[in-house]
Amino acid sequence: MRTEAEIRQKGMEALLKELGDVEAEIFIKNLIREPFDYTNWQKDLWNDKSVQEISSNADKAVKK
């Protein structure tokens, strides 16, 4: 298992790779500024997807 520092580093690398410098900064500012409940966010994240669709998408992502 990775340390918290390693997880933070990998998370920043992923944000920067996907969003770029400016949008990654905006994302981080939004997380800090607004109360954020990850559990509640997850409840609504996949409402429009079936379990089979989510599983299929996860399989495709792993194969990339």
Protein backbone atom coordinates (compact mmCIF):
# COMPACT_ATOMS: atom_id res chain seq x y z
CA MET A 1 0.00 0.00 0.00
CA ARG A 2 1.21 3.51 -0.81
CA THR A 3 1.87 6.15 1.81
CA GLU A 4 -0.36 9.23 2.01
CA ALA A 5 2.42 11.32 0.48
CA GLU A 6 2.70 8.92 -2.47
CA ILE A 7 -1.07 8.98 -2.97
CA ARG A 8 -1.09 12.79 -2.94
CA GLN A 9 1.76 12.85 -5.45
CA LYS A 10 0.02 10.39 -7.80
CA GLY A 11 -3.24 12.32 -7.42
CA MET A 12 -1.55 15.58 -8.38
CA GLU A 13 0.12 13.92 -11.35
CA ALA A 14 -3.25 12.55 -12.52
CA LEU A 15 -4.96 15.93 -12.10
CA LEU A 16 -2.22 17.75 -13.97
CA LYS A 17 -2.16 15.17 -16.76
CA GLU A 18 -5.92 15.21 -17.24
CA LEU A 19 -6.77 18.85 -16.52
CA GLY A 20 -3.57 20.81 -16.99
CA ASP A 21 -2.13 23.36 -14.57
CA VAL A 22 -4.94 25.91 -14.58
CA GLU A 23 -7.92 23.55 -14.38
CA ALA A 24 -6.19 21.41 -11.74
CA GLU A 25 -5.76 24.55 -9.63
CA ILE A 26 -9.43 25.45 -10.12
CA PHE A 27 -10.43 21.91 -9.07
CA ILE A 28 -8.32 22.08 -5.91
CA LYS A 29 -9.65 25.54 -5.01
CA ASN A 30 -13.21 24.26 -5.39
CA LEU A 31 -12.53 21.31 -3.10
CA ILE A 32 -11.03 23.56 -0.45
CA ARG A 33 -13.65 26.30 -0.72
CA GLU A 34 -16.82 24.21 -0.75
CA PRO A 35 -17.86 21.60 1.78
CA PHE A 36 -17.54 18.29 -0.02
CA ASP A 37 -19.02 14.99 1.14
CA TYR A 38 -17.52 12.24 -0.99
CA THR A 39 -20.07 9.68 0.19
CA ASN A 40 -23.05 11.81 -0.84
CA TRP A 41 -21.37 12.69 -4.13
CA GLN A 42 -20.93 9.01 -4.93
CA LYS A 43 -24.62 8.28 -4.29
CA ASP A 44 -25.64 10.34 -7.33
CA LEU A 45 -22.59 9.83 -9.53
CA TRP A 46 -23.80 6.76 -11.44
CA ASN A 47 -27.60 7.11 -11.23
CA ASP A 48 -27.97 6.92 -15.01
CA LYS A 49 -25.78 3.79 -15.38
CA SER A 50 -26.52 0.13 -14.75
CA VAL A 51 -24.13 -2.09 -12.82
CA GLN A 52 -23.29 -3.82 -16.10
CA GLU A 53 -22.41 -0.48 -17.78
CA ILE A 54 -20.20 0.57 -14.87
CA SER A 55 -18.46 -2.82 -14.86
CA SER A 56 -17.95 -2.71 -18.62
CA ASN A 57 -16.50 0.80 -18.44
CA ALA A 58 -14.18 -0.26 -15.61
CA ASP A 59 -12.97 -3.25 -17.65
CA LYS A 60 -12.28 -0.99 -20.64
CA ALA A 61 -10.36 1.47 -18.46
CA VAL A 62 -8.19 -1.29 -17.01
CA LYS A 63 -7.33 -2.56 -20.49
CA LYS A 64 -6.12 0.89 -21.66
